[in-house]
């Protein structure tokens, strides 16, 4: 997309948005289609097409995409190399269960070459939840232990095992978590439980609590800590840099595995293949997804070489996992990141975003905290900076205002979440942030008048 076309983004042509066709299509669809996400309920637009970092709705309105679907189209919509790779196998060989194909061979060889440490054992799946569940089974099979520990506000999918290690609450899953599932507080620099004398977060206290909890809160059969490197649903919460190295050390002392759920944070989203690389930590088990196939449903479980044999004992294969189209999408996505130097570009965009948000906490009364790692951002809105009371009404209003101005993105109550494609030009990234800031300023003026 050239600079002339960039100048037209966003472009709102409807008198109101969502426009009349969006309203019609949404109403017809939701007569039968149920269980919508909050982002759709708050702004029920119907999309028609996507190209790169631009989304177009059925009324002809064009939006800057600051969502990437939901952290999925990391390389933008319809990247030609990825679309061509999927189309090739859609016309050649769509599925052959878990038999070997050339494209699968090439993909796993590429994974073994680029992933850190000795992450050399792989299995492929069709969604993040399936990869997480397989990872949990690997942890239990490799250790012979059954308990699992996760963190407050983590998200690990929507099956019973994943939900039992997350924050989703629903009676549909029963009255209790799955047996052996534990939750502990994890470090949130903006809302710390334990602090040092200078008021900064004290990660040592968290680790000390974990040691106590392992001894007194479990039955002594903990297979793994299972954590998101950066919490997505929880609000783009980035832990202190020393947290995961210290947690890994604890796990090694206690003969407990560390599983990183990188469904959201992997494949360039934070400027690395794996987010854990920022802290020089190699997890024992890792789930990879979302941007892995740039929109095509393909995910992966990677394990350290010494645990790879555990795949044999968990009935690891799946109907759709590792099909040729999926492998083609994942390999093409990986090659695009390499060929276009997108890890470096994501790190550059982080600096751009950080600079744009640098004064927001002092400039706006309702902005409590801003955080960014690569192209994963969060802005926390509060009613009072001293009490840090969440400001849900502000979050919804900012989300809707920015969408009406031409920014497609993600709400999360009082926390604004952003995940722009890592291909985004700096000028468009700045324009998107300007829309958000303008929407924050308008919302503050309206709600605090």
Protein backbone atom coordinates (compact mmCIF):
# COMPACT_ATOMS: atom_id res chain seq x y z
CA UNK A 1 0.00 0.00 0.00
CA UNK A 2 1.49 3.29 -1.12
CA UNK A 3 1.65 6.54 0.79
CA UNK A 4 -1.23 8.02 -1.22
CA UNK A 5 -3.53 5.19 -0.15
CA UNK A 6 -2.21 5.30 3.41
CA UNK A 7 -3.50 8.86 3.64
CA UNK A 8 -7.05 7.59 3.15
CA UNK A 9 -6.93 5.29 6.16
CA UNK A 10 -9.16 5.37 8.06
CA UNK A 11 -12.02 6.27 5.73
CA UNK A 12 -15.55 6.43 7.13
CA UNK A 13 -18.17 6.93 4.40
CA UNK A 14 -21.34 5.92 6.25
CA UNK A 15 -23.43 8.63 7.88
CA UNK A 16 -23.32 6.45 10.99
CA UNK A 17 -21.28 3.40 11.92
CA UNK A 18 -22.00 0.58 12.04
CA UNK A 19 -23.65 1.33 8.71
CA UNK A 20 -27.02 0.09 7.39
CA UNK A 21 -25.68 -3.05 5.70
CA UNK A 22 -23.70 -3.97 8.81
CA UNK A 23 -26.81 -3.60 10.93
CA UNK A 24 -28.88 -5.68 8.52
CA UNK A 25 -26.29 -8.47 8.18
CA UNK A 26 -25.61 -8.56 11.91
CA UNK A 27 -29.30 -8.83 12.77
CA UNK A 28 -29.86 -11.59 10.20
CA UNK A 29 -26.81 -13.52 11.36
CA UNK A 30 -27.44 -13.24 15.09
CA UNK A 31 -30.96 -14.55 14.68
CA UNK A 32 -29.17 -17.91 14.64
CA UNK A 33 -25.53 -17.28 15.60
CA UNK A 34 -25.05 -16.92 19.35
CA UNK A 35 -22.35 -16.45 21.97
CA UNK A 36 -20.72 -13.29 20.64
CA UNK A 37 -17.63 -11.66 22.11
CA UNK A 38 -17.81 -8.34 23.93
CA UNK A 39 -16.04 -6.53 21.09
CA UNK A 40 -18.81 -7.49 18.66
CA UNK A 41 -21.59 -6.65 21.11
CA UNK A 42 -20.14 -3.17 21.64
CA UNK A 43 -19.63 -2.50 17.92
CA UNK A 44 -21.58 -4.92 15.67
CA UNK A 45 -19.94 -4.16 12.35
CA UNK A 46 -19.92 -6.67 9.48
CA UNK A 47 -16.58 -6.93 7.69
CA UNK A 48 -16.19 -7.70 4.01
CA UNK A 49 -12.46 -7.78 3.32
CA UNK A 50 -9.01 -7.20 4.72
CA UNK A 51 -5.71 -6.29 3.14
CA UNK A 52 -2.57 -5.82 5.16
CA UNK A 53 -3.41 -3.58 8.11
CA UNK A 54 -6.75 -2.36 6.65
CA UNK A 55 -10.23 -3.80 7.22
CA UNK A 56 -13.22 -2.86 5.05
CA UNK A 57 -16.82 -3.35 6.17
CA UNK A 58 -19.87 -4.11 4.03
CA UNK A 59 -20.76 -0.40 3.93
CA UNK A 60 -17.39 0.57 2.47
CA UNK A 61 -15.87 2.00 5.64
CA UNK A 62 -12.16 1.31 6.03
CA UNK A 63 -10.47 0.85 9.39
CA UNK A 64 -6.92 0.64 10.68
CA UNK A 65 -6.65 -2.83 12.19
CA UNK A 66 -5.31 -2.65 15.75
CA UNK A 67 -6.73 -6.06 16.63
CA UNK A 68 -5.26 -8.54 14.12
CA UNK A 69 -8.52 -10.46 14.41
CA UNK A 70 -7.77 -11.25 18.01
CA UNK A 71 -3.96 -11.34 18.03
CA UNK A 72 -4.14 -13.66 14.98
CA UNK A 73 -3.28 -11.92 11.69
CA UNK A 74 0.11 -10.79 12.96
CA UNK A 75 1.36 -10.37 9.38
CA UNK A 76 -1.74 -8.55 8.21
CA UNK A 77 -4.69 -9.79 6.21
CA UNK A 78 -4.23 -11.93 3.11
CA UNK A 79 -0.45 -11.77 2.86
CA UNK A 80 0.11 -13.06 -0.70
CA UNK A 81 2.76 -15.62 0.21
CA UNK A 82 0.58 -17.18 2.90
CA UNK A 83 -2.60 -17.10 0.81
CA UNK A 84 -0.78 -18.76 -2.09
CA UNK A 85 0.71 -21.45 0.15
CA UNK A 86 -2.71 -22.37 1.58
CA UNK A 87 -4.34 -22.29 -1.86
CA UNK A 88 -1.69 -24.64 -3.26
CA UNK A 89 -2.46 -27.36 -0.76
CA UNK A 90 -6.20 -26.69 -0.85
CA UNK A 91 -5.93 -27.90 -4.45
CA UNK A 92 -3.30 -30.60 -3.87
CA UNK A 93 -3.81 -32.40 -0.55
CA UNK A 94 -6.07 -31.15 2.23
CA UNK A 95 -5.71 -33.88 4.85
CA UNK A 96 -3.97 -37.20 5.39
CA UNK A 97 -4.25 -37.44 9.20
CA UNK A 98 -0.78 -37.59 10.77
CA UNK A 99 1.11 -39.19 7.87
CA UNK A 100 4.28 -37.40 6.81
CA UNK A 101 4.16 -34.84 4.02
CA UNK A 102 6.97 -32.80 2.55
CA UNK A 103 5.48 -29.55 3.84
CA UNK A 104 5.20 -30.95 7.39
CA UNK A 105 8.80 -32.15 7.23
CA UNK A 106 9.97 -28.70 6.16
CA UNK A 107 7.94 -26.99 8.88
CA UNK A 108 9.24 -29.05 11.80
CA UNK A 109 12.81 -28.72 10.53
CA UNK A 110 12.34 -24.95 10.46
CA UNK A 111 10.89 -24.97 13.99
CA UNK A 112 13.83 -26.99 15.31
CA UNK A 113 16.21 -24.48 13.72
CA UNK A 114 14.68 -21.25 15.06
CA UNK A 115 13.28 -22.09 18.50
CA UNK A 116 15.58 -21.49 21.47
CA UNK A 117 17.42 -24.16 23.44
CA UNK A 118 16.51 -27.79 22.92
CA UNK A 119 12.85 -27.32 21.99
CA UNK A 120 12.96 -30.10 19.40
CA UNK A 121 9.77 -32.14 19.89
CA UNK A 122 6.55 -31.00 18.16
CA UNK A 123 2.93 -31.85 17.57
CA UNK A 124 0.42 -29.76 15.63
CA UNK A 125 -3.19 -28.87 16.38
CA UNK A 126 -6.00 -26.71 15.01
CA UNK A 127 -6.68 -24.31 17.91
CA UNK A 128 -4.98 -22.84 20.94
CA UNK A 129 -7.10 -24.74 23.44
CA UNK A 130 -6.18 -28.10 21.89
CA UNK A 131 -2.49 -27.18 22.06
CA UNK A 132 -2.80 -26.13 25.70
CA UNK A 133 -4.62 -29.32 26.66
CA UNK A 134 -1.97 -31.41 24.91
CA UNK A 135 0.73 -29.46 26.71
CA UNK A 136 -0.92 -30.17 30.07
CA UNK A 137 -1.00 -33.89 29.26
CA UNK A 138 2.68 -33.75 28.31
CA UNK A 139 3.53 -32.15 31.67
CA UNK A 140 1.73 -34.92 33.53
CA UNK A 141 3.13 -37.70 31.39
CA UNK A 142 6.70 -36.41 31.61
CA UNK A 143 6.65 -36.02 35.39
CA UNK A 144 4.22 -38.67 36.56
CA UNK A 145 2.59 -35.94 38.67
CA UNK A 146 -0.89 -34.49 38.25
CA UNK A 147 -1.21 -31.04 39.86
CA UNK A 148 -0.89 -27.81 37.87
CA UNK A 149 -0.39 -24.22 39.02
CA UNK A 150 -1.40 -21.11 37.08
CA UNK A 151 -1.74 -17.41 37.85
CA UNK A 152 -4.61 -15.10 38.69
CA UNK A 153 -6.21 -13.68 35.52
CA UNK A 154 -4.39 -16.07 33.20
CA UNK A 155 -6.27 -17.41 30.18
CA UNK A 156 -5.63 -20.89 28.81
CA UNK A 157 -8.60 -21.65 26.58
CA UNK A 158 -12.22 -22.70 26.99
CA UNK A 159 -12.13 -26.42 27.64
CA UNK A 160 -12.42 -27.70 31.21
CA UNK A 161 -8.69 -28.16 31.72
CA UNK A 162 -7.82 -24.73 30.37
CA UNK A 163 -10.67 -22.97 32.17
CA UNK A 164 -9.64 -24.62 35.44
CA UNK A 165 -6.31 -22.78 35.13
CA UNK A 166 -7.86 -19.47 34.14
CA UNK A 167 -10.26 -16.78 35.28
CA UNK A 168 -13.36 -17.64 33.23
CA UNK A 169 -16.29 -18.34 35.51
CA UNK A 170 -19.24 -20.38 34.23
CA UNK A 171 -21.54 -22.92 35.84
CA UNK A 172 -21.37 -24.80 32.55
CA UNK A 173 -18.00 -26.17 33.70
CA UNK A 174 -19.32 -27.35 37.02
CA UNK A 175 -19.04 -26.02 40.53
CA UNK A 176 -15.28 -26.58 40.92
CA UNK A 177 -12.05 -26.46 38.96
CA UNK A 178 -10.64 -29.69 37.61
CA UNK A 179 -8.92 -31.74 40.33
CA UNK A 180 -5.34 -30.69 40.89
CA UNK A 181 -5.76 -27.19 39.46
CA UNK A 182 -4.26 -24.34 41.51
CA UNK A 183 -4.15 -20.56 41.14
CA UNK A 184 -1.60 -18.18 42.67
CA UNK A 185 -1.07 -14.42 42.38
CA UNK A 186 1.41 -13.37 39.71
CA UNK A 187 3.33 -10.10 39.56
CA UNK A 188 1.45 -7.12 38.16
CA UNK A 189 3.73 -4.05 38.40
CA UNK A 190 0.75 -1.67 38.39
CA UNK A 191 -1.19 -3.59 41.04
CA UNK A 192 1.47 -5.31 43.16
CA UNK A 193 0.64 -7.38 46.23
CA UNK A 194 4.18 -7.29 47.62
CA UNK A 195 6.47 -4.28 47.27
CA UNK A 196 9.95 -3.18 48.33
CA UNK A 197 10.67 -0.24 50.58
CA UNK A 198 10.79 2.05 47.55
CA UNK A 199 7.29 1.00 46.47
CA UNK A 200 8.38 -1.08 43.47
CA UNK A 201 7.17 -4.63 43.03
CA UNK A 202 9.06 -7.33 44.94
CA UNK A 203 9.23 -10.46 42.79
CA UNK A 204 11.19 -12.32 45.47
CA UNK A 205 8.13 -12.21 47.70
CA UNK A 206 6.03 -13.86 44.99
CA UNK A 207 8.57 -16.65 44.62
CA UNK A 208 8.72 -17.06 48.39
CA UNK A 209 4.93 -17.38 48.48
CA UNK A 210 5.01 -20.00 45.72
CA UNK A 211 7.44 -22.08 47.79
CA UNK A 212 5.09 -21.90 50.76
CA UNK A 213 2.09 -22.71 48.59
CA UNK A 214 3.78 -25.71 47.00
CA UNK A 215 4.47 -27.07 50.45
CA UNK A 216 1.15 -26.31 52.12
CA UNK A 217 -1.44 -25.75 49.39
CA UNK A 218 -0.82 -28.79 47.19
CA UNK A 219 -0.54 -32.52 47.80
CA UNK A 220 3.06 -32.50 46.64
CA UNK A 221 2.38 -33.70 43.12
CA UNK A 222 2.83 -30.54 41.03
CA UNK A 223 3.75 -31.34 37.44
CA UNK A 224 4.09 -27.79 36.14
CA UNK A 225 3.59 -24.08 36.47
CA UNK A 226 1.47 -23.06 33.45
CA UNK A 227 1.58 -19.34 32.70
CA UNK A 228 1.13 -16.83 29.91
CA UNK A 229 4.38 -14.85 29.53
CA UNK A 230 2.25 -11.73 29.13
CA UNK A 231 -1.40 -11.93 30.06
CA UNK A 232 -3.69 -11.18 27.14
CA UNK A 233 -7.28 -11.41 28.39
CA UNK A 234 -6.02 -10.16 31.78
CA UNK A 235 -5.07 -6.85 30.16
CA UNK A 236 -1.65 -7.04 28.46
CA UNK A 237 0.01 -7.36 31.86
CA UNK A 238 3.79 -7.59 31.51
CA UNK A 239 5.71 -9.11 34.44
CA UNK A 240 8.97 -7.64 35.80
CA UNK A 241 12.02 -8.78 33.84
CA UNK A 242 13.34 -10.86 36.73
CA UNK A 243 10.15 -12.86 37.32
CA UNK A 244 10.43 -15.72 34.85
CA UNK A 245 14.16 -16.35 35.43
CA UNK A 246 13.41 -16.65 39.16
CA UNK A 247 10.38 -18.85 38.55
CA UNK A 248 12.39 -21.12 36.26
CA UNK A 249 15.01 -21.47 38.99
CA UNK A 250 12.30 -22.41 41.50
CA UNK A 251 10.87 -24.99 39.12
CA UNK A 252 14.27 -26.58 38.62
CA UNK A 253 14.86 -26.79 42.39
CA UNK A 254 11.45 -28.43 42.91
CA UNK A 255 11.60 -30.74 39.85
CA UNK A 256 8.59 -28.98 38.36
CA UNK A 257 8.19 -28.18 34.67
CA UNK A 258 7.57 -24.68 33.36
CA UNK A 259 4.96 -24.52 30.60
CA UNK A 260 4.64 -21.23 28.73
CA UNK A 261 1.28 -20.68 27.07
CA UNK A 262 2.45 -18.59 24.12
CA UNK A 263 -0.66 -19.01 21.98
CA UNK A 264 -1.05 -15.22 22.07
CA UNK A 265 2.51 -13.97 22.54
CA UNK A 266 4.50 -16.07 20.04
CA UNK A 267 5.56 -15.63 16.41
CA UNK A 268 6.60 -12.03 16.37
CA UNK A 269 3.84 -10.47 18.44
CA UNK A 270 6.35 -9.19 21.03
CA UNK A 271 9.34 -8.94 18.68
CA UNK A 272 10.65 -12.48 19.30
CA UNK A 273 9.68 -15.96 18.13
CA UNK A 274 8.77 -16.69 21.74
CA UNK A 275 8.07 -13.99 24.29
CA UNK A 276 10.10 -15.98 26.85
CA UNK A 277 13.21 -15.15 24.82
CA UNK A 278 13.03 -11.60 26.19
CA UNK A 279 14.06 -13.06 29.55
CA UNK A 280 16.43 -15.75 28.22
CA UNK A 281 14.21 -18.52 29.62
CA UNK A 282 13.60 -21.74 27.71
CA UNK A 283 10.33 -23.32 28.89
CA UNK A 284 10.04 -27.09 29.14
CA UNK A 285 6.75 -27.07 27.24
CA UNK A 286 5.30 -24.26 25.14
CA UNK A 287 2.03 -23.82 23.26
CA UNK A 288 2.23 -21.74 20.07
CA UNK A 289 -0.72 -20.37 18.13
CA UNK A 290 -2.74 -17.45 16.80
CA UNK A 291 -0.14 -15.69 14.61
CA UNK A 292 1.58 -19.02 13.89
CA UNK A 293 -0.57 -19.49 10.77
CA UNK A 294 -1.58 -15.83 10.39
CA UNK A 295 -5.27 -16.64 10.41
CA UNK A 296 -5.25 -20.25 9.28
CA UNK A 297 -6.18 -22.51 12.24
CA UNK A 298 -2.86 -24.11 13.14
CA UNK A 299 -1.16 -24.36 16.53
CA UNK A 300 1.79 -26.24 17.97
CA UNK A 301 3.08 -27.82 21.16
CA UNK A 302 6.87 -27.70 21.43
CA UNK A 303 8.76 -29.55 24.16
CA UNK A 304 12.36 -29.91 25.18
CA UNK A 305 14.06 -32.86 23.57
CA UNK A 306 14.24 -34.94 26.75
CA UNK A 307 10.45 -34.82 27.12
CA UNK A 308 9.58 -35.48 23.48
CA UNK A 309 8.96 -39.18 24.07
CA UNK A 310 6.00 -38.22 26.26
CA UNK A 311 4.03 -37.47 23.10
CA UNK A 312 3.83 -41.23 22.58
CA UNK A 313 1.83 -41.74 25.77
CA UNK A 314 -0.82 -39.02 25.44
CA UNK A 315 -2.60 -39.97 22.18
CA UNK A 316 -1.13 -36.83 20.66
CA UNK A 317 -2.49 -36.84 17.10
CA UNK A 318 -5.64 -35.00 16.02
CA UNK A 319 -7.98 -35.01 13.01
CA UNK A 320 -6.95 -31.60 11.65
CA UNK A 321 -3.58 -31.01 13.27
CA UNK A 322 -0.68 -30.86 10.85
CA UNK A 323 -2.78 -31.03 7.69
CA UNK A 324 -0.91 -29.82 4.61
CA UNK A 325 -2.77 -26.50 4.39
CA UNK A 326 -1.99 -25.76 8.03
CA UNK A 327 1.68 -26.64 7.66
CA UNK A 328 1.91 -24.49 4.54
CA UNK A 329 0.38 -21.52 6.37
CA UNK A 330 2.73 -21.89 9.35
CA UNK A 331 5.84 -22.32 7.23
CA UNK A 332 4.96 -19.41 4.96
CA UNK A 333 4.25 -17.19 7.98
CA UNK A 334 7.61 -18.10 9.47
CA UNK A 335 9.43 -17.38 6.22
CA UNK A 336 7.66 -14.02 5.83
CA UNK A 337 8.83 -12.97 9.31
CA UNK A 338 12.40 -13.89 8.38
CA UNK A 339 12.39 -12.44 4.86
CA UNK A 340 10.81 -9.12 5.86
CA UNK A 341 12.81 -8.69 9.11
CA UNK A 342 9.57 -8.38 11.04
CA UNK A 343 10.95 -9.27 14.46
CA UNK A 344 13.12 -6.19 14.23
CA UNK A 345 10.23 -4.11 12.92
CA UNK A 346 8.01 -5.16 15.82
CA UNK A 347 10.71 -4.03 18.21
CA UNK A 348 10.93 -0.71 16.35
CA UNK A 349 7.16 -0.24 16.60
CA UNK A 350 7.40 -0.85 20.34
CA UNK A 351 9.58 2.25 20.60
CA UNK A 352 7.05 4.21 18.54
CA UNK A 353 4.16 3.12 20.76
CA UNK A 354 6.12 3.73 23.94
CA UNK A 355 6.95 7.27 22.85
CA UNK A 356 3.32 8.00 21.94
CA UNK A 357 2.05 6.85 25.35
CA UNK A 358 4.90 8.33 27.39
CA UNK A 359 2.89 11.21 28.88
CA UNK A 360 -0.61 9.71 28.94
CA UNK A 361 -0.56 8.86 32.65
CA UNK A 362 0.23 12.46 33.54
CA UNK A 363 -1.83 14.06 30.78
CA UNK A 364 -5.10 12.22 31.44
CA UNK A 365 -6.84 11.71 34.77
CA UNK A 366 -8.39 8.39 33.72
CA UNK A 367 -5.20 6.75 32.41
CA UNK A 368 -3.62 4.75 35.22
CA UNK A 369 -1.02 2.72 33.34
CA UNK A 370 0.35 2.10 29.84
CA UNK A 371 2.38 -0.95 28.82
CA UNK A 372 3.84 -2.34 25.64
CA UNK A 373 6.01 -5.21 24.47
CA UNK A 374 6.51 -5.33 20.72
CA UNK A 375 3.05 -4.99 19.16
CA UNK A 376 1.18 -6.02 22.28
CA UNK A 377 -0.21 -3.01 24.15
CA UNK A 378 -2.48 -2.20 27.07
CA UNK A 379 -3.86 0.99 28.60
CA UNK A 380 -5.57 0.77 31.98
CA UNK A 381 -8.34 3.27 32.73
CA UNK A 382 -9.18 4.11 36.34
CA UNK A 383 -11.64 6.32 38.20
CA UNK A 384 -9.01 7.42 40.72
CA UNK A 385 -5.25 7.12 40.42
CA UNK A 386 -4.79 6.59 44.13
CA UNK A 387 -7.37 3.82 44.56
CA UNK A 388 -6.86 2.47 41.00
CA UNK A 389 -10.55 1.65 40.83
CA UNK A 390 -11.30 0.21 37.36
CA UNK A 391 -13.27 2.51 35.04
CA UNK A 392 -15.28 0.08 32.91
CA UNK A 393 -17.62 2.73 31.52
CA UNK A 394 -14.63 4.68 30.22
CA UNK A 395 -13.18 1.58 28.60
CA UNK A 396 -16.37 0.90 26.68
CA UNK A 397 -16.75 4.51 25.62
CA UNK A 398 -13.16 4.85 24.38
CA UNK A 399 -13.50 1.58 22.46
CA UNK A 400 -16.68 2.69 20.68
CA UNK A 401 -15.44 6.21 19.97
CA UNK A 402 -12.21 4.97 18.41
CA UNK A 403 -14.06 2.38 16.34
CA UNK A 404 -16.37 5.07 14.97
CA UNK A 405 -13.28 7.07 14.00
CA UNK A 406 -11.93 4.09 12.03
CA UNK A 407 -9.90 1.97 14.45
CA UNK A 408 -10.75 -1.73 14.80
CA UNK A 409 -9.46 -3.07 18.11
CA UNK A 410 -10.12 -5.00 21.36
CA UNK A 411 -12.02 -4.07 24.54
CA UNK A 412 -11.43 -5.66 27.95
CA UNK A 413 -13.54 -3.76 30.44
CA UNK A 414 -11.43 -0.93 31.82
CA UNK A 415 -8.32 -2.08 29.97
CA UNK A 416 -7.79 -1.09 26.34
CA UNK A 417 -5.98 -3.82 24.42
CA UNK A 418 -4.15 -3.39 21.14
CA UNK A 419 -2.42 -5.87 18.85
CA UNK A 420 -1.66 -4.21 15.50
CA UNK A 421 -0.05 -6.31 12.75
CA UNK A 422 3.73 -6.24 12.95
CA UNK A 423 3.87 -5.23 9.26
CA UNK A 424 2.29 -1.87 10.07
CA UNK A 425 4.17 1.22 8.83
CA UNK A 426 5.23 3.69 11.50
CA UNK A 427 2.99 6.42 10.07
CA UNK A 428 -0.13 4.26 10.34
CA UNK A 429 0.82 3.10 13.84
CA UNK A 430 1.06 6.74 14.92
CA UNK A 431 -2.28 7.55 13.29
CA UNK A 432 -3.92 4.68 15.19
CA UNK A 433 -2.48 5.90 18.48
CA UNK A 434 -3.68 9.43 17.71
CA UNK A 435 -7.23 8.08 17.33
CA UNK A 436 -6.98 6.32 20.68
CA UNK A 437 -5.63 9.41 22.43
CA UNK A 438 -8.33 11.58 20.91
CA UNK A 439 -10.97 9.10 22.10
CA UNK A 440 -9.49 9.03 25.62
CA UNK A 441 -9.52 12.83 25.78
CA UNK A 442 -13.16 13.02 24.64
CA UNK A 443 -14.23 10.30 27.06
CA UNK A 444 -12.50 11.97 29.99
CA UNK A 445 -14.16 15.27 29.18
CA UNK A 446 -17.61 13.64 29.00
CA UNK A 447 -17.37 11.40 32.05
CA UNK A 448 -15.62 13.81 34.39
CA UNK A 449 -17.60 16.95 33.57
